[in-house]
N, C-alpha and C. Protein backbone atom coordinates (compact mmCIF):
# COMPACT_ATOMS: atom_id res chain seq x y z
N MET A 1 0.41 -0.83 -0.48
CA MET A 1 0.17 0.21 0.10
C MET A 1 1.05 1.58 0.12
N PRO A 2 0.45 2.46 -0.83
CA PRO A 2 1.75 3.69 -1.00
C PRO A 2 1.57 4.07 0.96
N SER A 3 2.71 4.92 1.14
CA SER A 3 2.49 5.32 2.63
C SER A 3 1.59 7.10 2.16
N SER A 4 1.26 7.15 3.94
CA SER A 4 0.25 8.39 4.00
C SER A 4 1.16 9.65 2.90
N ARG A 5 2.36 9.47 2.90
CA ARG A 5 3.22 10.89 2.26
C ARG A 5 2.83 10.16 0.54
N ASN A 6 3.52 9.21 0.22
CA ASN A 6 2.50 9.28 -1.08
C ASN A 6 1.11 9.39 -1.72
N ALA A 7 0.21 9.46 -0.33
CA ALA A 7 -0.81 8.88 -1.08
C ALA A 7 -0.93 10.51 -1.99
N ARG A 8 -2.26 10.64 -2.56
CA ARG A 8 -3.15 11.76 -3.01
C ARG A 8 -4.22 12.64 -2.01
N PRO A 9 -3.04 14.08 -1.48
CA PRO A 9 -4.12 14.88 -0.54
C PRO A 9 -4.77 15.42 -0.74
N GLY A 10 -5.87 15.05 -0.22
CA GLY A 10 -7.03 15.58 0.01
C GLY A 10 -7.40 16.81 -0.54
N LYS A 11 -8.51 16.76 -0.72
CA LYS A 11 -8.86 18.47 -1.31
C LYS A 11 -9.20 18.97 -0.28
N LYS A 12 -8.92 20.43 0.42
CA LYS A 12 -8.76 21.37 0.72
C LYS A 12 -9.33 22.71 1.13
N GLU A 13 -10.92 22.16 1.87
CA GLU A 13 -11.79 23.92 2.24
C GLU A 13 -11.61 24.06 3.58
N LEU A 14 -10.32 25.26 3.76
CA LEU A 14 -9.42 26.36 4.16
C LEU A 14 -10.50 27.26 4.95
N TRP A 15 -10.72 27.61 6.46
CA TRP A 15 -10.75 29.10 6.54
C TRP A 15 -9.89 29.42 7.91
N PHE A 16 -9.56 30.71 8.56
CA PHE A 16 -8.62 30.97 8.52
C PHE A 16 -9.16 32.41 9.16
N PRO A 17 -10.13 32.70 11.11
CA PRO A 17 -9.47 33.37 11.04
C PRO A 17 -8.16 34.71 11.39
N CYS A 18 -8.09 35.43 10.85
CA CYS A 18 -7.46 36.41 11.19
C CYS A 18 -7.59 37.93 11.53
N GLY A 19 -7.59 38.18 12.76
CA GLY A 19 -7.77 39.60 13.15
C GLY A 19 -8.84 40.49 12.14
N ARG A 20 -8.43 41.41 11.68
CA ARG A 20 -9.78 42.09 10.93
C ARG A 20 -9.89 41.32 9.90
N TYR A 21 -9.46 40.45 9.31
CA TYR A 21 -9.38 39.45 8.13
C TYR A 21 -10.06 38.35 8.39
N PHE A 22 -10.34 37.59 7.53
CA PHE A 22 -10.33 36.41 7.28
C PHE A 22 -9.74 36.04 6.16
N LEU A 23 -9.53 34.52 5.76
CA LEU A 23 -8.59 33.65 4.57
C LEU A 23 -9.38 32.38 3.96
N ARG A 24 -10.08 32.75 3.68
CA ARG A 24 -10.55 30.89 3.29
C ARG A 24 -9.84 30.74 1.58
N THR A 25 -10.17 29.41 1.69
CA THR A 25 -10.21 28.54 -0.06
C THR A 25 -11.37 29.73 -0.64
N ILE A 26 -11.20 29.72 -2.45
CA ILE A 26 -11.63 30.81 -3.26
C ILE A 26 -12.66 29.53 -3.08
N LYS A 27 -13.54 30.26 -4.10
CA LYS A 27 -14.32 29.52 -4.84
C LYS A 27 -15.28 30.06 -6.07
N ARG A 28 -15.96 29.41 -6.97
CA ARG A 28 -15.45 29.93 -8.63
C ARG A 28 -16.50 31.22 -8.48
N GLU A 29 -17.17 31.39 -7.39
CA GLU A 29 -18.28 32.48 -7.32
C GLU A 29 -17.58 34.06 -6.31
N ASP A 30 -16.49 33.59 -6.00
CA ASP A 30 -15.62 34.94 -6.06
C ASP A 30 -14.94 36.03 -6.53
N ALA A 31 -15.11 35.27 -8.03
CA ALA A 31 -14.79 36.15 -9.68
C ALA A 31 -15.53 37.15 -9.22
N SER A 32 -14.61 37.65 -10.33
CA SER A 32 -15.36 39.61 -10.13
C SER A 32 -14.56 40.32 -11.59
N ASP A 33 -14.99 41.16 -11.47
CA ASP A 33 -14.73 42.32 -12.55
C ASP A 33 -13.62 42.91 -11.24
N ARG A 34 -14.07 43.45 -10.89
CA ARG A 34 -13.32 43.90 -9.54
C ARG A 34 -11.27 43.62 -9.34
N TRP A 35 -11.64 42.17 -9.17
CA TRP A 35 -10.32 41.09 -8.92
C TRP A 35 -9.87 40.92 -10.31
N ALA A 36 -10.34 41.42 -11.55
CA ALA A 36 -9.23 41.34 -12.97
C ALA A 36 -8.64 42.68 -12.64
N GLY A 37 -9.85 44.05 -12.19
CA GLY A 37 -8.92 44.61 -12.68
C GLY A 37 -7.59 45.34 -11.96
N TRP A 38 -7.50 43.91 -10.36
CA TRP A 38 -6.55 44.11 -9.61
C TRP A 38 -5.36 44.13 -10.76
N LEU A 39 -5.50 42.76 -11.53
CA LEU A 39 -3.97 42.45 -12.09
C LEU A 39 -3.66 43.14 -13.17
N ALA A 40 -4.70 44.55 -13.79
CA ALA A 40 -4.26 44.75 -14.80
C ALA A 40 -3.63 46.60 -14.17
N ASP A 41 -3.56 46.72 -12.39
CA ASP A 41 -3.51 47.59 -11.93
C ASP A 41 -1.28 48.00 -12.39
N PRO A 42 -1.23 48.82 -12.40
CA PRO A 42 0.35 48.88 -12.37
C PRO A 42 1.05 48.79 -11.11
N TRP A 43 0.47 49.02 -9.81
CA TRP A 43 1.23 48.66 -8.38
C TRP A 43 1.10 46.93 -8.93
N THR A 44 0.74 46.12 -9.28
CA THR A 44 0.50 44.43 -9.52
C THR A 44 1.23 44.17 -10.65
N THR A 45 1.34 44.62 -11.88
CA THR A 45 1.93 44.54 -12.84
C THR A 45 3.73 44.64 -12.79
N HIS A 46 3.70 45.73 -11.83
CA HIS A 46 5.91 46.35 -11.29
C HIS A 46 5.95 45.28 -10.65
N ALA A 47 5.19 44.80 -9.53
CA ALA A 47 5.22 43.72 -7.84
C ALA A 47 5.52 42.73 -8.72
N LEU A 48 4.66 42.20 -9.74
CA LEU A 48 4.45 40.72 -9.88
C LEU A 48 5.41 40.63 -11.34
N ASN A 49 5.66 41.91 -12.25
CA ASN A 49 6.86 41.49 -13.08
C ASN A 49 5.34 41.11 -14.04
N SER A 50 4.16 41.36 -14.76
CA SER A 50 2.59 40.22 -14.61
C SER A 50 2.77 41.65 -16.26
N PRO A 51 2.34 40.68 -17.39
CA PRO A 51 1.67 41.97 -18.62
C PRO A 51 0.93 42.91 -18.48
N PRO A 52 0.61 44.28 -18.75
CA PRO A 52 -0.66 44.45 -18.84
C PRO A 52 -1.73 44.08 -19.53
N ALA A 53 -2.90 43.21 -18.78
CA ALA A 53 -4.26 43.00 -19.66
C ALA A 53 -5.53 43.39 -19.29
N THR A 54 -6.36 43.26 -19.68
CA THR A 54 -7.81 43.55 -19.86
C THR A 54 -7.78 42.08 -19.61
N LEU A 55 -8.16 41.76 -18.44
CA LEU A 55 -9.44 40.66 -17.56
C LEU A 55 -10.44 41.06 -17.54
N THR A 56 -11.91 40.05 -17.75
CA THR A 56 -12.70 39.86 -17.22
C THR A 56 -12.91 38.57 -15.93
N LYS A 57 -14.52 39.06 -15.70
CA LYS A 57 -14.64 38.60 -14.29
C LYS A 57 -14.57 36.59 -15.21
N SER A 58 -14.73 36.31 -16.36
CA SER A 58 -14.67 35.10 -16.91
C SER A 58 -13.61 34.95 -17.36
N ASP A 59 -12.10 35.67 -16.85
CA ASP A 59 -10.82 35.05 -17.49
C ASP A 59 -10.60 34.58 -15.97
N ILE A 60 -11.19 35.42 -14.42
CA ILE A 60 -10.81 35.14 -13.31
C ILE A 60 -11.16 33.46 -12.82
N VAL A 61 -12.37 33.55 -13.64
CA VAL A 61 -12.81 31.66 -13.42
C VAL A 61 -12.02 30.75 -13.88
N GLU A 62 -11.58 31.04 -14.91
CA GLU A 62 -10.57 30.26 -15.74
C GLU A 62 -9.43 30.12 -14.57
N TYR A 63 -8.96 30.92 -14.23
CA TYR A 63 -8.19 31.22 -13.37
C TYR A 63 -8.35 30.62 -11.66
N ILE A 64 -8.88 30.27 -11.43
CA ILE A 64 -9.67 30.05 -10.58
C ILE A 64 -9.83 28.23 -10.29
N LYS A 65 -10.37 28.04 -12.18
CA LYS A 65 -10.03 26.66 -12.13
C LYS A 65 -9.39 25.50 -12.58
N GLN A 66 -8.14 26.75 -12.40
CA GLN A 66 -6.49 25.96 -12.17
C GLN A 66 -5.98 25.43 -11.04
N PHE A 67 -6.75 26.09 -10.37
CA PHE A 67 -5.85 24.95 -8.48
C PHE A 67 -7.08 24.06 -7.73
N ASP A 68 -6.00 23.19 -7.81
CA ASP A 68 -7.00 21.98 -7.72
C ASP A 68 -7.55 21.74 -5.87
N GLN A 69 -6.47 22.86 -5.06
CA GLN A 69 -6.92 22.72 -3.84
C GLN A 69 -6.84 21.94 -2.98
N ARG A 70 -5.20 20.85 -3.35
CA ARG A 70 -5.38 19.73 -3.09
C ARG A 70 -3.41 20.54 -2.77
N SER A 71 -2.63 20.32 -3.57
CA SER A 71 -1.05 20.61 -3.71
C SER A 71 -1.44 22.14 -4.18
N ARG A 72 -2.22 22.44 -5.44
CA ARG A 72 -2.18 23.58 -5.38
C ARG A 72 -3.69 24.69 -4.92
N LEU A 73 -2.89 25.60 -4.36
CA LEU A 73 -4.01 25.97 -3.25
C LEU A 73 -4.44 27.80 -3.64
N LEU A 74 -5.44 27.90 -3.52
CA LEU A 74 -5.81 29.68 -3.90
C LEU A 74 -6.84 29.67 -2.79
N LEU A 75 -6.27 30.82 -1.67
CA LEU A 75 -6.57 31.15 -1.06
C LEU A 75 -7.18 32.80 -1.21
N GLY A 76 -8.51 33.48 -0.91
CA GLY A 76 -8.68 34.96 -0.95
C GLY A 76 -8.97 35.51 0.91
N ILE A 77 -8.31 36.55 0.50
CA ILE A 77 -8.54 37.28 2.39
C ILE A 77 -9.42 38.17 2.23
N PHE A 78 -10.65 38.52 2.93
CA PHE A 78 -11.67 38.81 2.60
C PHE A 78 -11.55 39.43 4.23
N GLU A 79 -12.12 40.75 4.83
CA GLU A 79 -12.18 41.64 5.60
C GLU A 79 -13.68 41.14 6.61
N ARG A 80 -13.38 41.23 7.52
CA ARG A 80 -14.59 40.82 8.35
C ARG A 80 -15.44 42.07 8.40
N GLY A 81 -16.66 41.89 8.88
CA GLY A 81 -17.83 42.96 8.48
C GLY A 81 -18.39 42.81 7.17
N THR A 82 -17.64 43.86 6.48
CA THR A 82 -18.19 44.16 4.95
C THR A 82 -17.75 42.28 4.68
N ARG A 83 -16.88 41.44 4.99
CA ARG A 83 -16.99 40.72 3.93
C ARG A 83 -16.33 40.88 2.60
N LEU A 84 -16.12 42.70 2.29
CA LEU A 84 -15.39 42.75 0.84
C LEU A 84 -13.58 41.88 0.86
N HIS A 85 -13.85 41.85 -0.05
CA HIS A 85 -12.99 40.46 -0.60
C HIS A 85 -11.80 41.75 -1.22
N VAL A 86 -9.94 41.41 -0.63
CA VAL A 86 -9.05 42.35 -0.99
C VAL A 86 -7.86 42.36 -1.13
N GLY A 87 -7.81 40.62 -1.22
CA GLY A 87 -6.57 40.25 -2.09
C GLY A 87 -6.70 39.19 -1.96
N PHE A 88 -5.45 38.10 -2.38
CA PHE A 88 -5.79 35.83 -2.71
C PHE A 88 -4.07 36.00 -2.02
N ILE A 89 -4.14 34.51 -1.60
CA ILE A 89 -2.84 33.40 -1.65
C ILE A 89 -2.49 32.79 -2.66
N ARG A 90 -1.83 32.28 -3.53
CA ARG A 90 -1.39 31.47 -3.60
C ARG A 90 -0.63 30.54 -2.75
N VAL A 91 -0.48 28.92 -3.32
CA VAL A 91 0.31 28.19 -2.68
C VAL A 91 0.68 26.92 -3.17
N ASP A 92 1.60 27.15 -3.39
CA ASP A 92 1.96 25.38 -4.39
C ASP A 92 2.77 24.76 -3.19
N ILE A 93 2.22 23.59 -3.37
CA ILE A 93 2.43 23.09 -2.07
C ILE A 93 3.61 21.84 -3.15
N ASP A 94 4.89 21.34 -2.34
CA ASP A 94 5.61 20.02 -3.40
C ASP A 94 5.83 19.12 -2.00
N ASP A 95 5.20 18.08 -1.98
CA ASP A 95 5.30 17.64 -1.35
C ASP A 95 6.56 16.43 -0.80
N THR A 96 7.87 16.65 -1.86
CA THR A 96 8.65 15.35 -2.41
C THR A 96 9.43 16.49 -1.36
N THR A 97 9.69 17.53 -1.78
CA THR A 97 10.67 18.22 -0.92
C THR A 97 10.62 18.86 0.06
N ARG A 98 9.35 18.78 0.77
CA ARG A 98 8.58 19.29 2.01
C ARG A 98 8.31 20.94 1.76
N GLU A 99 8.30 21.62 0.63
CA GLU A 99 8.62 22.77 0.78
C GLU A 99 6.76 23.24 0.28
N ALA A 100 6.82 24.41 0.79
CA ALA A 100 5.82 24.95 -0.16
C ALA A 100 6.16 26.81 -0.86
N PHE A 101 5.84 26.99 -2.18
CA PHE A 101 6.00 28.66 -2.49
C PHE A 101 4.59 28.71 -2.58
N VAL A 102 4.69 30.27 -1.91
CA VAL A 102 3.66 31.45 -1.83
C VAL A 102 3.60 32.56 -2.57
N SER A 103 2.62 33.54 -3.00
CA SER A 103 2.63 34.27 -3.70
C SER A 103 1.26 35.00 -2.94
N ALA A 104 1.41 36.10 -2.89
CA ALA A 104 -0.06 37.59 -2.18
C ALA A 104 -0.07 38.34 -2.57
N ILE A 105 -1.29 39.33 -2.74
CA ILE A 105 -1.71 40.51 -3.85
C ILE A 105 -2.48 40.68 -3.20
N ILE A 106 -2.72 42.36 -2.56
CA ILE A 106 -3.33 42.62 -1.33
C ILE A 106 -3.66 43.76 -2.83
N GLY A 107 -4.99 43.39 -3.37
CA GLY A 107 -5.75 44.02 -4.78
C GLY A 107 -6.32 45.45 -4.81
N GLU A 108 -7.12 45.29 -3.48
CA GLU A 108 -7.63 46.69 -3.00
C GLU A 108 -6.40 48.00 -2.49
N PRO A 109 -5.72 49.51 -2.36
CA PRO A 109 -4.93 49.89 -2.20
C PRO A 109 -5.06 49.93 -0.89
N GLU A 110 -6.32 50.53 -0.73
CA GLU A 110 -6.16 51.00 0.98
C GLU A 110 -5.86 49.53 1.84
N HIS A 111 -5.49 48.42 1.44
CA HIS A 111 -5.19 47.42 3.01
C HIS A 111 -4.60 47.02 2.78
N ARG A 112 -3.66 47.92 1.69
CA ARG A 112 -1.99 47.73 1.77
C ARG A 112 -1.08 48.51 2.53
N ASN A 113 -0.16 48.21 2.72
CA ASN A 113 0.84 48.62 3.61
C ASN A 113 0.98 49.06 5.04
N SER A 114 -0.60 47.60 5.52
CA SER A 114 -1.35 48.07 6.41
C SER A 114 -0.76 46.42 7.39
N GLY A 115 -0.33 46.07 7.08
CA GLY A 115 0.13 44.63 7.76
C GLY A 115 -1.09 43.32 7.63
N ALA A 116 -1.54 43.73 6.87
CA ALA A 116 -2.46 42.34 6.15
C ALA A 116 -2.00 41.89 5.55
N THR A 117 -1.06 41.40 4.87
CA THR A 117 -0.81 40.31 4.42
C THR A 117 0.18 38.94 6.10
N THR A 118 1.56 40.36 6.56
CA THR A 118 1.45 39.22 7.87
C THR A 118 0.15 38.86 8.60
N VAL A 119 -0.74 39.37 9.52
CA VAL A 119 -1.78 38.90 9.86
C VAL A 119 -2.15 37.57 9.33
N VAL A 120 -2.53 37.38 7.97
CA VAL A 120 -3.05 36.37 7.16
C VAL A 120 -1.65 35.66 7.67
N PHE A 121 -0.97 35.28 6.92
CA PHE A 121 0.26 34.60 6.80
C PHE A 121 0.23 33.43 7.97
N ILE A 122 -0.32 34.38 9.26
CA ILE A 122 0.63 33.47 11.06
C ILE A 122 -0.57 32.31 10.77
N PRO A 123 -1.89 32.62 10.41
CA PRO A 123 -2.72 31.32 10.49
C PRO A 123 -2.39 30.35 9.22
N LEU A 124 -2.17 30.64 8.44
CA LEU A 124 -1.96 29.83 7.37
C LEU A 124 -0.31 28.94 7.57
N LEU A 125 0.75 29.61 8.35
CA LEU A 125 1.60 29.45 8.52
C LEU A 125 1.70 28.48 8.96
N ASP A 126 0.89 28.31 10.26
CA ASP A 126 0.29 27.11 11.15
C ASP A 126 -0.13 26.12 10.91
N PHE A 127 -0.90 26.72 9.75
CA PHE A 127 -1.67 25.07 8.83
C PHE A 127 0.07 24.48 8.28
N LEU A 128 0.04 25.03 7.80
CA LEU A 128 1.17 24.51 6.62
C LEU A 128 2.57 23.83 7.14
N PHE A 129 3.30 24.29 8.13
CA PHE A 129 4.16 24.02 8.94
C PHE A 129 3.81 22.81 9.88
N ASP A 130 2.45 22.84 10.20
CA ASP A 130 1.53 21.72 12.02
C ASP A 130 1.02 21.31 11.06
N ALA A 131 -0.09 21.22 10.38
CA ALA A 131 -0.84 20.67 9.78
C ALA A 131 -0.62 19.79 7.84
N ALA A 132 -0.34 20.36 7.40
CA ALA A 132 0.35 19.48 5.88
C ALA A 132 1.85 19.05 6.07
N ASP A 133 2.23 19.31 7.19
CA ASP A 133 3.73 18.81 7.40
C ASP A 133 4.85 19.48 6.55
N ILE A 134 4.42 21.00 6.42
CA ILE A 134 5.50 21.37 4.95
C ILE A 134 6.93 21.95 6.18
N ASP A 135 8.10 21.87 5.69
CA ASP A 135 9.66 22.15 6.41
C ASP A 135 9.73 24.20 5.93
N ARG A 136 9.60 24.15 5.03
CA ARG A 136 10.61 25.24 4.37
C ARG A 136 8.83 26.16 3.23
N VAL A 137 8.92 27.31 3.44
CA VAL A 137 8.02 27.87 2.98
C VAL A 137 8.56 28.96 1.96
N ARG A 138 8.82 29.36 0.91
CA ARG A 138 9.44 30.09 0.27
C ARG A 138 8.92 31.33 -0.52
N ALA A 139 9.45 32.13 -1.51
CA ALA A 139 8.55 33.26 -2.26
C ALA A 139 9.79 34.18 -2.67
N SER A 140 9.56 34.64 -3.74
CA SER A 140 9.84 35.12 -4.70
C SER A 140 10.38 36.85 -4.64
N ILE A 141 10.85 37.35 -4.66
CA ILE A 141 10.99 38.83 -4.56
C ILE A 141 11.74 39.55 -5.71
N LEU A 142 11.67 39.87 -6.65
CA LEU A 142 11.85 41.46 -7.25
C LEU A 142 12.93 41.92 -6.78
N ASP A 143 14.19 42.05 -6.62
CA ASP A 143 15.11 43.67 -5.80
C ASP A 143 14.67 44.63 -6.20
N ARG A 144 14.58 44.81 -7.42
CA ARG A 144 13.77 46.31 -7.57
C ARG A 144 12.59 46.94 -6.73
N ASN A 145 11.93 45.47 -6.03
CA ASN A 145 10.92 46.36 -4.72
C ASN A 145 11.61 45.87 -3.41
N ARG A 146 12.57 46.78 -3.22
CA ARG A 146 13.35 46.86 -1.77
C ARG A 146 12.40 46.94 -0.64
N ALA A 147 11.54 47.59 -1.37
CA ALA A 147 10.68 48.16 0.51
C ALA A 147 10.28 46.69 1.00
N THR A 148 9.21 45.89 -0.20
CA THR A 148 8.25 44.70 0.15
C THR A 148 9.93 43.32 0.44
N LEU A 149 10.62 43.17 0.30
CA LEU A 149 11.97 42.58 0.46
C LEU A 149 12.68 42.83 1.58
N THR A 150 12.70 44.30 2.33
CA THR A 150 13.23 45.00 3.49
C THR A 150 12.51 44.78 5.26
N TYR A 151 11.62 44.58 4.02
CA TYR A 151 9.85 43.86 4.94
C TYR A 151 9.62 42.71 5.33
N LEU A 152 10.02 41.61 4.54
CA LEU A 152 9.77 40.68 4.89
C LEU A 152 11.00 39.54 5.74
N LEU A 153 12.02 40.47 5.39
CA LEU A 153 13.76 40.48 6.23
C LEU A 153 13.35 40.88 7.53
N LYS A 154 12.70 42.21 7.76
CA LYS A 154 12.35 41.76 9.52
C LYS A 154 11.20 41.84 9.80
N LEU A 155 10.01 40.57 9.50
CA LEU A 155 9.49 39.31 9.71
C LEU A 155 10.26 38.15 10.59
N GLY A 156 11.77 38.26 9.55
CA GLY A 156 11.95 37.35 10.22
C GLY A 156 12.27 36.34 8.97
N TRP A 157 11.99 36.02 7.82
CA TRP A 157 12.46 35.32 6.35
C TRP A 157 13.76 35.52 6.38
N GLN A 158 13.88 34.49 5.41
CA GLN A 158 15.01 34.19 5.55
C GLN A 158 15.84 34.71 3.89
N GLN A 159 16.87 34.97 3.87
CA GLN A 159 17.06 36.00 2.01
C GLN A 159 17.95 34.63 2.00
N ASP A 160 18.11 33.62 0.74
CA ASP A 160 19.39 33.16 -0.12
C ASP A 160 20.29 34.02 -0.16
N PRO A 161 21.53 33.49 -0.05
CA PRO A 161 22.71 34.24 -0.76
C PRO A 161 23.11 34.88 -1.31
N VAL A 162 22.22 33.53 -2.76
CA VAL A 162 22.92 34.33 -3.86
C VAL A 162 21.77 34.93 -4.52
N PRO A 163 21.12 35.45 -5.12
CA PRO A 163 19.60 35.43 -6.18
C PRO A 163 19.56 34.29 -7.01
N GLU A 164 18.59 34.24 -7.62
CA GLU A 164 17.62 33.29 -8.30
C GLU A 164 18.10 33.40 -9.63
N ALA A 165 18.10 33.33 -10.64
CA ALA A 165 17.84 33.55 -12.49
C ALA A 165 17.21 34.55 -12.36
N PRO A 166 17.97 35.74 -13.26
CA PRO A 166 17.12 36.80 -13.34
C PRO A 166 15.86 36.00 -14.02
N VAL A 167 14.94 37.12 -14.23
CA VAL A 167 13.55 37.34 -15.57
C VAL A 167 14.11 38.67 -16.33
N LYS A 168 12.71 37.79 -17.31
CA LYS A 168 13.14 39.55 -18.58
C LYS A 168 11.81 40.37 -18.18
N SER A 169 12.35 41.64 -17.89
CA SER A 169 10.98 42.94 -17.61
C SER A 169 10.10 42.67 -18.67
N TYR A 170 8.90 42.63 -18.27
CA TYR A 170 7.36 42.79 -19.79
C TYR A 170 7.75 43.89 -20.40
N SER A 171 7.95 45.06 -19.32
CA SER A 171 7.38 46.66 -19.64
C SER A 171 8.82 46.77 -20.89
N ASP A 172 10.03 46.48 -20.54
CA ASP A 172 11.58 46.90 -21.94
C ASP A 172 12.69 46.15 -21.80
N GLY A 173 11.79 44.80 -21.09
CA GLY A 173 12.78 43.21 -21.71
C GLY A 173 14.31 43.57 -21.18
N THR A 174 14.37 44.33 -20.22
CA THR A 174 15.95 44.69 -19.39
C THR A 174 15.96 43.20 -18.00
N PRO A 175 17.22 42.38 -17.70
CA PRO A 175 16.46 41.42 -16.88
C PRO A 175 16.55 42.05 -15.43
N LEU A 176 16.20 41.26 -15.00
CA LEU A 176 15.45 42.02 -13.52
C LEU A 176 15.62 40.90 -12.49
N GLU A 177 16.67 41.31 -11.31
CA GLU A 177 17.16 40.27 -10.35
C GLU A 177 16.03 39.59 -9.40
N ARG A 178 16.18 38.95 -8.54
CA ARG A 178 14.92 38.41 -7.64
C ARG A 178 15.36 37.38 -7.28
N TRP A 179 15.50 37.76 -5.49
CA TRP A 179 15.49 36.79 -4.38
C TRP A 179 14.65 36.04 -4.18
N SER A 180 15.27 34.97 -3.51
CA SER A 180 14.50 33.76 -2.63
C SER A 180 14.89 33.69 -1.30
N VAL A 181 13.62 34.15 -0.60
CA VAL A 181 13.31 34.73 0.97
C VAL A 181 12.92 33.67 1.46
N SER A 182 13.20 32.54 2.72
CA SER A 182 12.08 31.22 3.44
C SER A 182 11.79 31.13 5.14
N TRP A 183 11.07 31.06 5.16
CA TRP A 183 11.15 30.72 6.78
C TRP A 183 10.62 29.11 7.00
N THR A 184 11.17 29.14 7.85
CA THR A 184 11.09 27.61 8.40
C THR A 184 10.26 27.40 9.67
N ARG A 185 10.09 26.44 10.46
CA ARG A 185 9.45 26.11 11.72
C ARG A 185 9.92 27.24 12.46
N GLU A 186 11.25 26.51 12.26
CA GLU A 186 12.26 27.22 13.40
C GLU A 186 12.15 28.91 13.09
N GLY A 187 12.42 29.55 11.77
CA GLY A 187 12.37 31.03 12.07
C GLY A 187 10.71 31.21 12.50
N ARG A 188 9.70 30.49 11.99
CA ARG A 188 8.49 31.34 12.10
C ARG A 188 8.23 31.64 13.73
N ASP A 189 8.79 30.45 14.44
CA ASP A 189 8.78 30.25 16.23
C ASP A 189 9.39 31.70 16.91
N SER A 190 10.73 31.76 16.27
CA SER A 190 11.51 33.02 16.61
C SER A 190 10.98 33.98 16.30
N PHE A 191 9.90 34.06 15.24
CA PHE A 191 8.75 35.54 14.99
C PHE A 191 8.26 36.10 15.96
N LEU A 192 7.49 34.96 15.70
CA LEU A 192 6.43 35.03 16.81
C LEU A 192 7.14 35.35 18.37
N ALA A 193 7.60 34.45 18.63
CA ALA A 193 8.56 34.80 20.01
C ALA A 193 9.03 36.59 19.54
N SER A 194 9.43 37.44 19.21
CA SER A 194 9.83 38.78 18.89
C SER A 194 9.30 39.42 19.21
N PRO A 195 9.78 41.10 19.57
CA PRO A 195 8.41 41.98 19.91
C PRO A 195 7.45 42.20 18.59
N ILE A 196 8.00 42.23 17.39
CA ILE A 196 6.91 42.75 16.72
C ILE A 196 6.63 41.60 16.74
N GLY A 197 6.38 40.21 17.17
CA GLY A 197 6.01 38.64 16.53
C GLY A 197 4.39 38.64 17.61
N ARG A 198 5.06 38.89 18.57
CA ARG A 198 4.35 39.17 19.75
C ARG A 198 2.81 40.28 19.37
N ARG A 199 3.40 41.45 19.63
CA ARG A 199 2.70 42.72 18.60
C ARG A 199 1.44 42.14 17.99
N PHE A 200 2.26 40.86 16.70
CA PHE A 200 1.13 40.44 15.62
C PHE A 200 -0.10 39.78 16.13
N LEU A 201 0.59 39.01 17.16
CA LEU A 201 -0.13 38.34 17.48
C LEU A 201 -1.58 38.84 18.89
N GLN A 202 -0.63 39.73 19.30
CA GLN A 202 -1.87 40.41 20.33
C GLN A 202 -3.09 40.96 19.69
N ARG A 203 -2.56 41.62 18.45
CA ARG A 203 -3.57 41.99 17.30
C ARG A 203 -4.43 40.84 17.18
N LEU A 204 -4.03 39.43 16.88
CA LEU A 204 -5.14 38.76 16.46
C LEU A 204 -5.76 38.34 17.83
N SER A 205 -5.75 38.07 19.12
CA SER A 205 -5.82 37.63 20.21
C SER A 205 -7.10 38.70 20.57
N THR A 206 -6.83 39.81 20.29
CA THR A 206 -7.81 40.94 20.80
C THR A 206 -8.98 40.73 19.29
N GLU A 207 -9.28 40.40 18.09
CA GLU A 207 -9.96 40.66 16.68
C GLU A 207 -10.02 39.69 16.61
N ARG A 208 -10.54 38.49 17.49
CA ARG A 208 -10.38 37.23 16.51
C ARG A 208 -10.56 36.24 17.70
N PRO A 209 -11.36 34.48 17.81
CA PRO A 209 -11.04 33.02 18.54
C PRO A 209 -9.71 33.69 19.21
N ALA A 210 -9.26 32.68 20.15
CA ALA A 210 -7.73 32.60 20.54
C ALA A 210 -7.37 31.16 19.27
N ARG A 211 -8.24 30.14 19.06
CA ARG A 211 -8.05 29.23 18.51
C ARG A 211 -7.30 29.87 17.20
N ARG A 212 -6.16 29.53 17.21
CA ARG A 212 -5.58 28.78 15.51
C ARG A 212 -5.33 28.23 14.63
N GLY A 213 -5.51 28.19 13.21
CA GLY A 213 -5.73 26.73 12.32
C GLY A 213 -6.47 26.78 12.25
N PRO A 214 -7.75 26.39 10.52
CA PRO A 214 -8.51 25.81 9.88
C PRO A 214 -9.31 25.03 10.54
N ALA A 215 -10.82 26.23 9.89
CA ALA A 215 -11.79 25.78 11.03
C ALA A 215 -12.42 24.33 10.70
N SER A 216 -11.95 23.72 9.21
CA SER A 216 -12.26 23.07 8.74
C SER A 216 -11.15 22.15 7.41
N GLU A 217 -11.71 20.94 7.36
CA GLU A 217 -10.19 20.10 6.44
C GLU A 217 -10.77 19.38 5.63
N GLY A 218 -11.20 19.00 4.49
CA GLY A 218 -11.78 18.24 3.52
C GLY A 218 -10.92 17.03 3.61
């Protein structure tokens, strides 16, 4: 019989309370023309080095279909109370290497630079490290996004000593240097024990139920 490590992972229906926000598995009905507009926003195309494109709600539905919600997860960030969809996180899990690659976008400008991604990442990391048995979580950051890179390092992400292979700029074709940053269980624990980590935990404990982790998993 195949081992549990080699067995196909179950489809996940996740929901995490995250202070002012909540994070949950995206559904097709979450597709919207507003979400399509995020991907054409100059801030997004600059941060992701993505080609500017005019997308529609139907395009977003097709994008959502690409995620099996097993090893390829797409999670939406929503504001509690208003239930406004403000962004999303993509998680690609490699069970062989026990690594997960993540990327996040806050689409609504008024919710950027407010700590939203850090708040939602705390319970997501709990799930990846403690429930999904992941050893390392990785992200790739363009060197030109120095503010984001500096912020992630302040939060305890570790930067690889050498840059990744450059990618070509969609705007002018020039090579763009990028860096791989990662978080381990130990890094997560050290961050949560640090003054800034304790402040984020305080925000969570005063704005949401104390229980950390997914509300349900299929």
